[in-house]
Amino acid sequence: MIKMYQLFRKHRSLLLLAIMIMAVSLVGVGCAKKTEEKAPTGEAPKAKGIKVGIVLSTGGKGDKSFNDAAIAGLERAKQELGIEYKYIEPKEMASDEEALRFLAENGYDLVIGVGFLMKTSLEKVATEFPDVKFALIDEVVDKPNVASLTFKEHEGSFLAGVLAAMMSKTGNVGFVGGADFPLIHKFEEGYRQGVEYVNKNFGKNVKVQSAYAGTTGEAFNDPVKGKALATTQFNNGADIIYHASGGTGQGVFEAAAEKGKFAIGVDSNQNWIKPGTILASMLKRVDVAVFQVVKDTLDGKFTAGNKVFGVKEDGVGLTDLRNVEPVEKEGVKNDAAAIKKIEDMKKAIPDDVVKAVNDAKEKIAKGEITVKDPTAK
């Protein structure tokens, strides 16, 4: 026993060293095992998603126009990028400012305001939360954490004017705007310039009637007023009316259907709402702009400043004048009779009309046609 003790004393340093080596080896094995559990061989780590909040404008979800287009962009981002999103309906909270602040306070990485009417509110909240990223559709806010998403509505509306003037049999077309605001003037003036282009280059003399539903945000959600305004224009000789009025445009479509006339939709593809009545829609690709700013945020490429989407950027333009699009089929729930009405209407658009629209689009994209912006300073 004494000899064993003496032996231990003699070689104690070596024994302790061996024990330490074994302990380190075991820890290493444990760490390696944990590492393997976190990232198994052949599996890439999952990308971190982000939370996006959006405050909708007048008309809210289901307006078949501006707000729905914004939500479509978020839904695409959810499916393709794995983001989470929440939308707040108008009047769900006491004010837009309160809704924007709620999202900024509750961990949303990107907060989006839909519509120029939110400019003041978003500017104030963005100042309060400099570490949160914001985006505003249809207005410019000069803040280091705000991306402004604006469109050349006058360019897309020019194409609507070309289509209306080329298709009119009475030489009289109409325009119905929502609120009498500078932004909506871009739609009307672009439309008028398109009509003038046809008059000048195709020997026509088409006149334009115009009317607005009001002077406040509520003018974008008044289909009764929209129907009344459209009915008056049809009674005064118009056979095609282009609207830029949000939910108010539903009344324009009703009037056109009842009168056996035509309408042109706006913002999103509205051709399916009254099959055979809506010649085309002026697409304002809010969905594309929203998706892009979300993707930039997720990729760490968010930048402040004004992002402008025109004909050249495929940010505005008309729906397909020849082919029935998937969204139109989905809109009518694949009803064969409704699809046939849309199909027949498109077939009835003469080739020279389609060519005139496509030529104008190409010239705008190349800079050969400059559509004047009435709001430009």
Foldseek 3Di string as FASTA:
>chain_A
DVVVVVVCVVCVVVVVVVVVVVVVVVVVVVVVVVVCVQAPPPRDDDADAFEEEEEEAPPFPPLLFQNVLLVLLVVVCCVPVVYHYYYHYPPSDPHPLVRQLVCLVPRGQEYEYEDPVCQVSVLVSCVVRVNHAYEYEDDADPDFRYAYEYEQLLLQLLLVLLLQLVPDPQLEAEEEEQAPDLVRVSNVQSSVNSVVVCCVPVVGRHYYYYDYQYHDSCSLAALVSLLVVLLVRVVVRHQEYEYHRGSVCVSNQVNQVVVVGAYEAEQDWPCLVNQLRYQKYKHQNSSVVSNVQSVCSSVVNHGHDYDYYYLLNVRIHIDDLADDDPVSCVSNPNDPVSRVSNNVSSVPRDPVSVVSSVVSSVCVNVVVDDRDRPVDD
